[in-house]
PDB file of N, CA and C in Angstrom:
ATOM      1  N   MET A   1      18.423 231.244   2.011  1.00  0.00           N
ATOM      2  CA  MET A   1      18.379 229.952   2.661  1.00  0.00           C
ATOM      3  C   MET A   1      17.208 229.932   3.636  1.00  0.00           C
ATOM      4  N   LYS A   2      16.350 228.918   3.485  1.00  0.00           N
ATOM      5  CA  LYS A   2      15.220 228.784   4.379  1.00  0.00           C
ATOM      6  C   LYS A   2      15.616 227.905   5.562  1.00  0.00           C
ATOM      7  N   ILE A   3      15.349 228.385   6.751  1.00  0.00           N
ATOM      8  CA  ILE A   3      15.624 227.631   7.967  1.00  0.00           C
ATOM      9  C   ILE A   3      14.288 227.303   8.611  1.00  0.00           C
ATOM     10  N   SER A   4      14.092 226.016   8.887  1.00  0.00           N
ATOM     11  CA  SER A   4      12.851 225.602   9.532  1.00  0.00           C
ATOM     12  C   SER A   4      13.158 224.527  10.569  1.00  0.00           C
ATOM     13  N   SER A   5      12.277 224.398  11.520  1.00  0.00           N
ATOM     14  CA  SER A   5      12.493 223.403  12.572  1.00  0.00           C
ATOM     15  C   SER A   5      11.690 222.144  12.275  1.00  0.00           C
ATOM     16  N   LYS A   6      12.153 221.044  12.832  1.00  0.00           N
ATOM     17  CA  LYS A   6      11.452 219.772  12.770  1.00  0.00           C
ATOM     18  C   LYS A   6      11.439 219.210  14.180  1.00  0.00           C
ATOM     19  N   ASN A   7      10.615 218.205  14.406  1.00  0.00           N
ATOM     20  CA  ASN A   7      10.539 217.576  15.713  1.00  0.00           C
ATOM     21  C   ASN A   7      11.002 216.131  15.582  1.00  0.00           C
ATOM     22  N   ILE A   8      11.967 215.738  16.379  1.00  0.00           N
ATOM     23  CA  ILE A   8      12.569 214.407  16.312  1.00  0.00           C
ATOM     24  C   ILE A   8      11.566 213.296  16.601  1.00  0.00           C
ATOM     25  N   PHE A   9      10.466 213.628  17.309  1.00  0.00           N
ATOM     26  CA  PHE A   9       9.468 212.638  17.704  1.00  0.00           C
ATOM     27  C   PHE A   9       8.290 212.557  16.732  1.00  0.00           C
ATOM     28  N   GLU A  10       8.294 213.352  15.681  1.00  0.00           N
ATOM     29  CA  GLU A  10       7.180 213.371  14.736  1.00  0.00           C
ATOM     30  C   GLU A  10       7.541 212.697  13.421  1.00  0.00           C
ATOM     31  N   ASP A  11       6.528 212.504  12.592  1.00  0.00           N
ATOM     32  CA  ASP A  11       6.683 211.916  11.256  1.00  0.00           C
ATOM     33  C   ASP A  11       7.271 210.510  11.303  1.00  0.00           C
ATOM     34  N   ILE A  12       6.768 209.709  12.240  1.00  0.00           N
ATOM     35  CA  ILE A  12       7.165 208.306  12.340  1.00  0.00           C
ATOM     36  C   ILE A  12       6.047 207.473  11.728  1.00  0.00           C
ATOM     37  N   PRO A  13       6.357 206.623  10.759  1.00  0.00           N
ATOM     38  CA  PRO A  13       5.314 205.827  10.110  1.00  0.00           C
ATOM     39  C   PRO A  13       4.573 204.928  11.106  1.00  0.00           C
ATOM     40  N   VAL A  14       3.303 204.713  10.835  1.00  0.00           N
ATOM     41  CA  VAL A  14       2.498 203.837  11.682  1.00  0.00           C
ATOM     42  C   VAL A  14       2.964 202.390  11.501  1.00  0.00           C
ATOM     43  N   ASN A  15       3.175 201.985  10.260  1.00  0.00           N
ATOM     44  CA  ASN A  15       3.618 200.627   9.958  1.00  0.00           C
ATOM     45  C   ASN A  15       5.081 200.644   9.539  1.00  0.00           C
ATOM     46  N   MET A  16       5.886 199.917  10.278  1.00  0.00           N
ATOM     47  CA  MET A  16       7.322 199.842   9.958  1.00  0.00           C
ATOM     48  C   MET A  16       7.751 198.377   9.991  1.00  0.00           C
ATOM     49  N   THR A  17       8.116 197.846   8.848  1.00  0.00           N
ATOM     50  CA  THR A  17       8.656 196.484   8.834  1.00  0.00           C
ATOM     51  C   THR A  17      10.160 196.501   9.075  1.00  0.00           C
ATOM     52  N   GLU A  18      10.794 197.610   8.710  1.00  0.00           N
ATOM     53  CA  GLU A  18      12.231 197.764   8.928  1.00  0.00           C
ATOM     54  C   GLU A  18      12.485 198.997   9.779  1.00  0.00           C
ATOM     55  N   GLU A  19      13.629 199.012  10.404  1.00  0.00           N
ATOM     56  CA  GLU A  19      14.043 200.164  11.192  1.00  0.00           C
ATOM     57  C   GLU A  19      14.104 201.393  10.292  1.00  0.00           C
ATOM     58  N   LEU A  20      13.692 202.538  10.823  1.00  0.00           N
ATOM     59  CA  LEU A  20      13.716 203.797  10.081  1.00  0.00           C
ATOM     60  C   LEU A  20      15.032 204.510  10.367  1.00  0.00           C
ATOM     61  N   VAL A  21      15.781 204.820   9.322  1.00  0.00           N
ATOM     62  CA  VAL A  21      17.046 205.551   9.459  1.00  0.00           C
ATOM     63  C   VAL A  21      16.970 206.762   8.553  1.00  0.00           C
ATOM     64  N   GLU A  22      17.080 207.950   9.162  1.00  0.00           N
ATOM     65  CA  GLU A  22      17.017 209.204   8.401  1.00  0.00           C
ATOM     66  C   GLU A  22      18.234 210.058   8.726  1.00  0.00           C
ATOM     67  N   ILE A  23      18.839 210.611   7.713  1.00  0.00           N
ATOM     68  CA  ILE A  23      19.945 211.548   7.924  1.00  0.00           C
ATOM     69  C   ILE A  23      19.352 212.891   8.299  1.00  0.00           C
ATOM     70  N   VAL A  24      19.718 213.388   9.468  1.00  0.00           N
ATOM     71  CA  VAL A  24      19.250 214.680   9.962  1.00  0.00           C
ATOM     72  C   VAL A  24      20.140 215.791   9.418  1.00  0.00           C
ATOM     73  N   SER A  25      21.461 215.521   9.398  1.00  0.00           N
ATOM     74  CA  SER A  25      22.423 216.501   8.900  1.00  0.00           C
ATOM     75  C   SER A  25      23.692 215.756   8.511  1.00  0.00           C
ATOM     76  N   GLU A  26      24.406 216.303   7.515  1.00  0.00           N
ATOM     77  CA  GLU A  26      25.611 215.610   7.058  1.00  0.00           C
ATOM     78  C   GLU A  26      26.580 216.587   6.405  1.00  0.00           C
ATOM     79  N   THR A  27      27.854 216.394   6.708  1.00  0.00           N
ATOM     80  CA  THR A  27      28.942 217.078   6.008  1.00  0.00           C
ATOM     81  C   THR A  27      29.940 215.994   5.608  1.00  0.00           C
ATOM     82  N   ASP A  28      31.076 216.400   5.066  1.00  0.00           N
ATOM     83  CA  ASP A  28      32.079 215.398   4.702  1.00  0.00           C
ATOM     84  C   ASP A  28      32.747 214.772   5.929  1.00  0.00           C
ATOM     85  N   ARG A  29      32.591 215.367   7.118  1.00  0.00           N
ATOM     86  CA  ARG A  29      33.251 214.865   8.325  1.00  0.00           C
ATOM     87  C   ARG A  29      32.311 214.282   9.379  1.00  0.00           C
ATOM     88  N   ILE A  30      31.017 214.596   9.285  1.00  0.00           N
ATOM     89  CA  ILE A  30      30.073 214.175  10.326  1.00  0.00           C
ATOM     90  C   ILE A  30      28.722 213.852   9.704  1.00  0.00           C
ATOM     91  N   ARG A  31      28.053 212.837  10.263  1.00  0.00           N
ATOM     92  CA  ARG A  31      26.692 212.501   9.838  1.00  0.00           C
ATOM     93  C   ARG A  31      25.857 212.288  11.089  1.00  0.00           C
ATOM     94  N   ILE A  32      24.672 212.893  11.123  1.00  0.00           N
ATOM     95  CA  ILE A  32      23.752 212.744  12.249  1.00  0.00           C
ATOM     96  C   ILE A  32      22.503 212.055  11.725  1.00  0.00           C
ATOM     97  N   GLU A  33      22.113 210.973  12.409  1.00  0.00           N
ATOM     98  CA  GLU A  33      20.946 210.210  11.981  1.00  0.00           C
ATOM     99  C   GLU A  33      19.924 210.097  13.097  1.00  0.00           C
ATOM    100  N   ARG A  34      18.662 210.082  12.694  1.00  0.00           N
ATOM    101  CA  ARG A  34      17.580 209.679  13.595  1.00  0.00           C
ATOM    102  C   ARG A  34      17.260 208.238  13.211  1.00  0.00           C
ATOM    103  N   ILE A  35      17.256 207.371  14.215  1.00  0.00           N
ATOM    104  CA  ILE A  35      16.937 205.962  14.005  1.00  0.00           C
ATOM    105  C   ILE A  35      15.731 205.635  14.879  1.00  0.00           C
ATOM    106  N   VAL A  36      14.732 205.023  14.270  1.00  0.00           N
ATOM    107  CA  VAL A  36      13.546 204.604  15.016  1.00  0.00           C
ATOM    108  C   VAL A  36      13.444 203.090  14.909  1.00  0.00           C
ATOM    109  N   SER A  37      13.456 202.429  16.067  1.00  0.00           N
ATOM    110  CA  SER A  37      13.338 200.973  16.144  1.00  0.00           C
ATOM    111  C   SER A  37      12.028 200.629  16.817  1.00  0.00           C
ATOM    112  N   ARG A  38      11.376 199.624  16.291  1.00  0.00           N
ATOM    113  CA  ARG A  38      10.121 199.141  16.885  1.00  0.00           C
ATOM    114  C   ARG A  38      10.223 197.617  16.963  1.00  0.00           C
ATOM    115  N   ALA A  39      10.798 197.155  18.064  1.00  0.00           N
ATOM    116  CA  ALA A  39      11.057 195.723  18.270  1.00  0.00           C
ATOM    117  C   ALA A  39      12.065 195.187  17.252  1.00  0.00           C
ATOM    118  N   HIS A  40      12.904 196.065  16.718  1.00  0.00           N
ATOM    119  CA  HIS A  40      13.921 195.639  15.764  1.00  0.00           C
ATOM    120  C   HIS A  40      15.194 195.235  16.501  1.00  0.00           C
ATOM    121  N   SER A  41      15.943 194.346  15.878  1.00  0.00           N
ATOM    122  CA  SER A  41      17.246 193.947  16.393  1.00  0.00           C
ATOM    123  C   SER A  41      18.114 193.549  15.201  1.00  0.00           C
ATOM    124  N   SER A  42      19.394 193.395  15.455  1.00  0.00           N
ATOM    125  CA  SER A  42      20.305 192.967  14.391  1.00  0.00           C
ATOM    126  C   SER A  42      20.026 191.518  14.027  1.00  0.00           C
ATOM    127  N   SER A  43      20.244 191.183  12.779  1.00  0.00           N
ATOM    128  CA  SER A  43      20.083 189.798  12.338  1.00  0.00           C
ATOM    129  C   SER A  43      21.080 188.906  13.073  1.00  0.00           C
ATOM    130  N   PRO A  44      20.741 187.640  13.255  1.00  0.00           N
ATOM    131  CA  PRO A  44      21.685 186.733  13.924  1.00  0.00           C
ATOM    132  C   PRO A  44      23.047 186.745  13.230  1.00  0.00           C
ATOM    133  N   ASN A  45      24.083 186.771  14.022  1.00  0.00           N
ATOM    134  CA  ASN A  45      25.477 186.755  13.542  1.00  0.00           C
ATOM    135  C   ASN A  45      25.892 188.016  12.776  1.00  0.00           C
ATOM    136  N   PHE A  46      25.046 189.064  12.769  1.00  0.00           N
ATOM    137  CA  PHE A  46      25.426 190.334  12.129  1.00  0.00           C
ATOM    138  C   PHE A  46      26.076 191.240  13.157  1.00  0.00           C
ATOM    139  N   TRP A  47      27.172 191.878  12.776  1.00  0.00           N
ATOM    140  CA  TRP A  47      27.871 192.845  13.631  1.00  0.00           C
ATOM    141  C   TRP A  47      28.117 194.119  12.852  1.00  0.00           C
ATOM    142  N   TYR A  48      27.791 195.265  13.454  1.00  0.00           N
ATOM    143  CA  TYR A  48      28.196 196.546  12.873  1.00  0.00           C
ATOM    144  C   TYR A  48      29.706 196.675  13.054  1.00  0.00           C
ATOM    145  N   ASP A  49      30.389 197.078  12.000  1.00  0.00           N
ATOM    146  CA  ASP A  49      31.831 197.329  12.032  1.00  0.00           C
ATOM    147  C   ASP A  49      32.044 198.592  11.205  1.00  0.00           C
ATOM    148  N   GLN A  50      31.952 199.732  11.869  1.00  0.00           N
ATOM    149  CA  GLN A  50      31.859 201.011  11.167  1.00  0.00           C
ATOM    150  C   GLN A  50      33.205 201.701  11.011  1.00  0.00           C
ATOM    151  N   GLU A  51      33.306 202.437   9.924  1.00  0.00           N
ATOM    152  CA  GLU A  51      34.533 203.168   9.603  1.00  0.00           C
ATOM    153  C   GLU A  51      34.761 204.380  10.501  1.00  0.00           C
ATOM    154  N   LYS A  52      33.676 204.919  11.057  1.00  0.00           N
ATOM    155  CA  LYS A  52      33.776 206.123  11.882  1.00  0.00           C
ATOM    156  C   LYS A  52      33.377 205.824  13.316  1.00  0.00           C
ATOM    157  N   ASN A  53      33.788 206.690  14.236  1.00  0.00           N
ATOM    158  CA  ASN A  53      33.304 206.630  15.608  1.00  0.00           C
ATOM    159  C   ASN A  53      31.810 206.924  15.594  1.00  0.00           C
ATOM    160  N   GLU A  54      31.105 206.379  16.583  1.00  0.00           N
ATOM    161  CA  GLU A  54      29.661 206.606  16.675  1.00  0.00           C
ATOM    162  C   GLU A  54      29.287 206.997  18.103  1.00  0.00           C
ATOM    163  N   TYR A  55      28.699 208.172  18.228  1.00  0.00           N
ATOM    164  CA  TYR A  55      28.087 208.593  19.488  1.00  0.00           C
ATOM    165  C   TYR A  55      26.604 208.333  19.322  1.00  0.00           C
ATOM    166  N   VAL A  56      26.012 207.578  20.245  1.00  0.00           N
ATOM    167  CA  VAL A  56      24.592 207.259  20.134  1.00  0.00           C
ATOM    168  C   VAL A  56      23.913 207.510  21.475  1.00  0.00           C
ATOM    169  N   ILE A  57      22.741 208.150  21.427  1.00  0.00           N
ATOM    170  CA  ILE A  57      21.945 208.414  22.624  1.00  0.00           C
ATOM    171  C   ILE A  57      20.515 207.970  22.357  1.00  0.00           C
ATOM    172  N   ILE A  58      19.899 207.376  23.363  1.00  0.00           N
ATOM    173  CA  ILE A  58      18.485 207.010  23.253  1.00  0.00           C
ATOM    174  C   ILE A  58      17.660 208.162  23.807  1.00  0.00           C
ATOM    175  N   LEU A  59      16.763 208.664  22.979  1.00  0.00           N
ATOM    176  CA  LEU A  59      15.882 209.758  23.374  1.00  0.00           C
ATOM    177  C   LEU A  59      14.573 209.237  23.956  1.00  0.00           C
ATOM    178  N   LYS A  60      14.150 208.053  23.495  1.00  0.00           N
ATOM    179  CA  LYS A  60      12.888 207.448  23.936  1.00  0.00           C
ATOM    180  C   LYS A  60      13.002 205.943  23.727  1.00  0.00           C
ATOM    181  N   GLY A  61      12.403 205.174  24.621  1.00  0.00           N
ATOM    182  CA  GLY A  61      12.390 203.730  24.471  1.00  0.00           C
ATOM    183  C   GLY A  61      13.541 203.057  25.201  1.00  0.00           C
ATOM    184  N   LYS A  62      13.775 201.793  24.843  1.00  0.00           N
ATOM    185  CA  LYS A  62      14.811 200.999  25.501  1.00  0.00           C
ATOM    186  C   LYS A  62      15.473 200.087  24.472  1.00  0.00           C
ATOM    187  N   ALA A  63      16.739 199.724  24.757  1.00  0.00           N
ATOM    188  CA  ALA A  63      17.481 198.828  23.866  1.00  0.00           C
ATOM    189  C   ALA A  63      18.540 198.085  24.659  1.00  0.00           C
ATOM    190  N   ARG A  64      19.007 196.992  24.054  1.00  0.00           N
ATOM    191  CA  ARG A  64      20.141 196.257  24.599  1.00  0.00           C
ATOM    192  C   ARG A  64      21.159 196.084  23.481  1.00  0.00           C
ATOM    193  N   LEU A  65      22.408 196.441  23.779  1.00  0.00           N
ATOM    194  CA  LEU A  65      23.496 196.338  22.806  1.00  0.00           C
ATOM    195  C   LEU A  65      24.523 195.320  23.285  1.00  0.00           C
ATOM    196  N   ALA A  66      25.029 194.544  22.336  1.00  0.00           N
ATOM    197  CA  ALA A  66      26.086 193.588  22.621  1.00  0.00           C
ATOM    198  C   ALA A  66      27.336 194.002  21.857  1.00  0.00           C
ATOM    199  N   PHE A  67      28.484 193.696  22.431  1.00  0.00           N
ATOM    200  CA  PHE A  67      29.768 193.986  21.812  1.00  0.00           C
ATOM    201  C   PHE A  67      30.546 192.689  21.666  1.00  0.00           C
ATOM    202  N   GLU A  68      31.214 192.545  20.541  1.00  0.00           N
ATOM    203  CA  GLU A  68      31.979 191.331  20.289  1.00  0.00           C
ATOM    204  C   GLU A  68      33.025 191.131  21.381  1.00  0.00           C
ATOM    205  N   ASN A  69      33.208 189.907  21.776  1.00  0.00           N
ATOM    206  CA  ASN A  69      34.188 189.512  22.796  1.00  0.00           C
ATOM    207  C   ASN A  69      33.866 190.030  24.188  1.00  0.00           C
ATOM    208  N   ARG A  70      32.604 190.356  24.423  1.00  0.00           N
ATOM    209  CA  ARG A  70      32.146 190.725  25.768  1.00  0.00           C
ATOM    210  C   ARG A  70      30.939 189.859  26.100  1.00  0.00           C
ATOM    211  N   ASP A  71      30.889 189.389  27.339  1.00  0.00           N
ATOM    212  CA  ASP A  71      29.781 188.537  27.748  1.00  0.00           C
ATOM    213  C   ASP A  71      28.555 189.333  28.175  1.00  0.00           C
ATOM    214  N   ASP A  72      28.754 190.564  28.631  1.00  0.00           N
ATOM    215  CA  ASP A  72      27.639 191.362  29.127  1.00  0.00           C
ATOM    216  C   ASP A  72      26.930 192.089  27.989  1.00  0.00           C
ATOM    217  N   VAL A  73      25.713 192.511  28.268  1.00  0.00           N
ATOM    218  CA  VAL A  73      24.908 193.293  27.336  1.00  0.00           C
ATOM    219  C   VAL A  73      24.652 194.638  27.996  1.00  0.00           C
ATOM    220  N   ILE A  74      24.759 195.709  27.234  1.00  0.00           N
ATOM    221  CA  ILE A  74      24.521 197.047  27.775  1.00  0.00           C
ATOM    222  C   ILE A  74      23.051 197.389  27.585  1.00  0.00           C
ATOM    223  N   VAL A  75      22.381 197.680  28.692  1.00  0.00           N
ATOM    224  CA  VAL A  75      20.967 198.054  28.677  1.00  0.00           C
ATOM    225  C   VAL A  75      20.895 199.571  28.640  1.00  0.00           C
ATOM    226  N   MET A  76      20.104 200.107  27.706  1.00  0.00           N
ATOM    227  CA  MET A  76      20.007 201.554  27.535  1.00  0.00           C
ATOM    228  C   MET A  76      18.556 202.006  27.587  1.00  0.00           C
ATOM    229  N   GLY A  77      18.345 203.187  28.150  1.00  0.00           N
ATOM    230  CA  GLY A  77      17.036 203.812  28.199  1.00  0.00           C
ATOM    231  C   GLY A  77      17.173 205.292  27.885  1.00  0.00           C
ATOM    232  N   PRO A  78      16.097 206.055  28.010  1.00  0.00           N
ATOM    233  CA  PRO A  78      16.131 207.479  27.677  1.00  0.00           C
ATOM    234  C   PRO A  78      17.256 208.220  28.403  1.00  0.00           C
ATOM    235  N   GLY A  79      18.048 208.925  27.621  1.00  0.00           N
ATOM    236  CA  GLY A  79      19.162 209.704  28.170  1.00  0.00           C
ATOM    237  C   GLY A  79      20.476 208.955  28.203  1.00  0.00           C
ATOM    238  N   ASP A  80      20.448 207.627  28.055  1.00  0.00           N
ATOM    239  CA  ASP A  80      21.691 206.850  28.063  1.00  0.00           C
ATOM    240  C   ASP A  80      22.405 207.006  26.729  1.00  0.00           C
ATOM    241  N   TYR A  81      23.729 207.118  26.794  1.00  0.00           N
ATOM    242  CA  TYR A  81      24.500 207.271  25.572  1.00  0.00           C
ATOM    243  C   TYR A  81      25.789 206.482  25.641  1.00  0.00           C
ATOM    244  N   LEU A  82      26.342 206.208  24.470  1.00  0.00           N
ATOM    245  CA  LEU A  82      27.618 205.519  24.316  1.00  0.00           C
ATOM    246  C   LEU A  82      28.433 206.228  23.259  1.00  0.00           C
ATOM    247  N   ASP A  83      29.731 206.156  23.391  1.00  0.00           N
ATOM    248  CA  ASP A  83      30.646 206.618  22.354  1.00  0.00           C
ATOM    249  C   ASP A  83      31.412 205.383  21.907  1.00  0.00           C
ATOM    250  N   ILE A  84      31.091 204.888  20.723  1.00  0.00           N
ATOM    251  CA  ILE A  84      31.633 203.633  20.229  1.00  0.00           C
ATOM    252  C   ILE A  84      32.748 203.945  19.223  1.00  0.00           C
ATOM    253  N   PRO A  85      33.984 203.571  19.547  1.00  0.00           N
ATOM    254  CA  PRO A  85      35.087 203.820  18.611  1.00  0.00           C
ATOM    255  C   PRO A  85      34.896 203.047  17.301  1.00  0.00           C
ATOM    256  N   ALA A  86      35.463 203.573  16.235  1.00  0.00           N
ATOM    257  CA  ALA A  86      35.412 202.912  14.934  1.00  0.00           C
ATOM    258  C   ALA A  86      35.936 201.481  15.058  1.00  0.00           C
ATOM    259  N   HIS A  87      35.314 200.586  14.311  1.00  0.00           N
ATOM    260  CA  HIS A  87      35.693 199.170  14.203  1.00  0.00           C
ATOM    261  C   HIS A  87      35.503 198.359  15.484  1.00  0.00           C
ATOM    262  N   ILE A  88      34.789 198.890  16.460  1.00  0.00           N
ATOM    263  CA  ILE A  88      34.384 198.075  17.607  1.00  0.00           C
ATOM    264  C   ILE A  88      33.079 197.391  17.194  1.00  0.00           C
ATOM    265  N   ARG A  89      33.142 196.098  17.000  1.00  0.00           N
ATOM    266  CA  ARG A  89      31.985 195.363  16.485  1.00  0.00           C
ATOM    267  C   ARG A  89      30.901 195.268  17.557  1.00  0.00           C
ATOM    268  N   HIS A  90      29.671 195.634  17.146  1.00  0.00           N
ATOM    269  CA  HIS A  90      28.546 195.653  18.063  1.00  0.00           C
ATOM    270  C   HIS A  90      27.257 195.324  17.322  1.00  0.00           C
ATOM    271  N   ARG A  91      26.220 195.031  18.086  1.00  0.00           N
ATOM    272  CA  ARG A  91      24.942 194.680  17.500  1.00  0.00           C
ATOM    273  C   ARG A  91      23.812 195.077  18.439  1.00  0.00           C
ATOM    274  N   VAL A  92      22.629 195.269  17.878  1.00  0.00           N
ATOM    275  CA  VAL A  92      21.436 195.556  18.670  1.00  0.00           C
ATOM    276  C   VAL A  92      20.778 194.215  18.977  1.00  0.00           C
ATOM    277  N   GLU A  93      20.760 193.850  20.247  1.00  0.00           N
ATOM    278  CA  GLU A  93      20.172 192.582  20.671  1.00  0.00           C
ATOM    279  C   GLU A  93      18.653 192.666  20.779  1.00  0.00           C
ATOM    280  N   TRP A  94      18.126 193.864  21.147  1.00  0.00           N
ATOM    281  CA  TRP A  94      16.701 193.986  21.435  1.00  0.00           C
ATOM    282  C   TRP A  94      16.329 195.454  21.487  1.00  0.00           C
ATOM    283  N   THR A  95      15.161 195.789  20.994  1.00  0.00           N
ATOM    284  CA  THR A  95      14.547 197.091  21.257  1.00  0.00           C
ATOM    285  C   THR A  95      13.114 196.847  21.703  1.00  0.00           C
ATOM    286  N   ASP A  96      12.599 197.756  22.466  1.00  0.00           N
ATOM    287  CA  ASP A  96      11.303 197.624  23.124  1.00  0.00           C
ATOM    288  C   ASP A  96      10.171 197.408  22.115  1.00  0.00           C
ATOM    289  N   PRO A  97       9.410 196.330  22.251  1.00  0.00           N
ATOM    290  CA  PRO A  97       8.268 196.125  21.360  1.00  0.00           C
ATOM    291  C   PRO A  97       7.043 196.940  21.767  1.00  0.00           C
ATOM    292  N   ALA A  98       7.032 197.479  22.988  1.00  0.00           N
ATOM    293  CA  ALA A  98       5.864 198.211  23.493  1.00  0.00           C
ATOM    294  C   ALA A  98       5.848 199.676  23.078  1.00  0.00           C
ATOM    295  N   GLU A  99       7.017 200.210  22.713  1.00  0.00           N
ATOM    296  CA  GLU A  99       7.084 201.611  22.270  1.00  0.00           C
ATOM    297  C   GLU A  99       8.256 201.789  21.316  1.00  0.00           C
ATOM    298  N   ASP A 100       8.202 202.833  20.523  1.00  0.00           N
ATOM    299  CA  ASP A 100       9.315 203.131  19.625  1.00  0.00           C
ATOM    300  C   ASP A 100      10.555 203.483  20.433  1.00  0.00           C
ATOM    301  N   THR A 101      11.686 203.017  19.947  1.00  0.00           N
ATOM    302  CA  THR A 101      12.972 203.445  20.489  1.00  0.00           C
ATOM    303  C   THR A 101      13.543 204.438  19.492  1.00  0.00           C
ATOM    304  N   ILE A 102      13.764 205.660  19.959  1.00  0.00           N
ATOM    305  CA  ILE A 102      14.281 206.718  19.089  1.00  0.00           C
ATOM    306  C   ILE A 102      15.715 207.014  19.499  1.00  0.00           C
ATOM    307  N   TRP A 103      16.609 206.821  18.568  1.00  0.00           N
ATOM    308  CA  TRP A 103      18.042 207.026  18.757  1.00  0.00           C
ATOM    309  C   TRP A 103      18.481 208.270  17.991  1.00  0.00           C
ATOM    310  N   LEU A 104      19.493 208.930  18.495  1.00  0.00           N
ATOM    311  CA  LEU A 104      20.211 209.940  17.731  1.00  0.00           C
ATOM    312  C   LEU A 104      21.636 209.443  17.641  1.00  0.00           C
ATOM    313  N   ALA A 105      22.111 209.244  16.420  1.00  0.00           N
ATOM    314  CA  ALA A 105      23.453 208.709  16.196  1.00  0.00           C
ATOM    315  C   ALA A 105      24.280 209.756  15.460  1.00  0.00           C
ATOM    316  N   VAL A 106      25.479 209.980  15.968  1.00  0.00           N
ATOM    317  CA  VAL A 106      26.412 210.922  15.350  1.00  0.00           C
ATOM    318  C   VAL A 106      27.665 210.149  14.963  1.00  0.00           C
ATOM    319  N   TYR A 107      27.952 210.130  13.678  1.00  0.00           N
ATOM    320  CA  TYR A 107      29.142 209.441  13.151  1.00  0.00           C
ATOM    321  C   TYR A 107      30.182 210.497  12.826  1.00  0.00           C
ATOM    322  N   TYR A 108      31.366 210.322  13.394  1.00  0.00           N
ATOM    323  CA  TYR A 108      32.412 211.333  13.211  1.00  0.00           C
ATOM    324  C   TYR A 108      33.778 210.699  13.057  1.00  0.00           C
TER     325      TYR A 108
END
């Protein structure tokens, strides 16, 4: 088995029309993704409603998340994280257009 390292901040395309989602590691019980947003947000009236819990941390950049039936928006920056229970409907309202927002998401 070959073991090699990668850098979470490297290999990001120069041109991205859609958010970049890459599986970093996965088993039958857990999935870890690197997500890169560049001024991306959820489509109007779209809500994530996931089967698994999601732990998400922003490593770089900024974002705003909205949750169904809540009036406030959660503002996130580097080091900020959330643990979102399964089936809690949420959406990305905004990500920074001035720099990439790099997320690490763990679904469990």
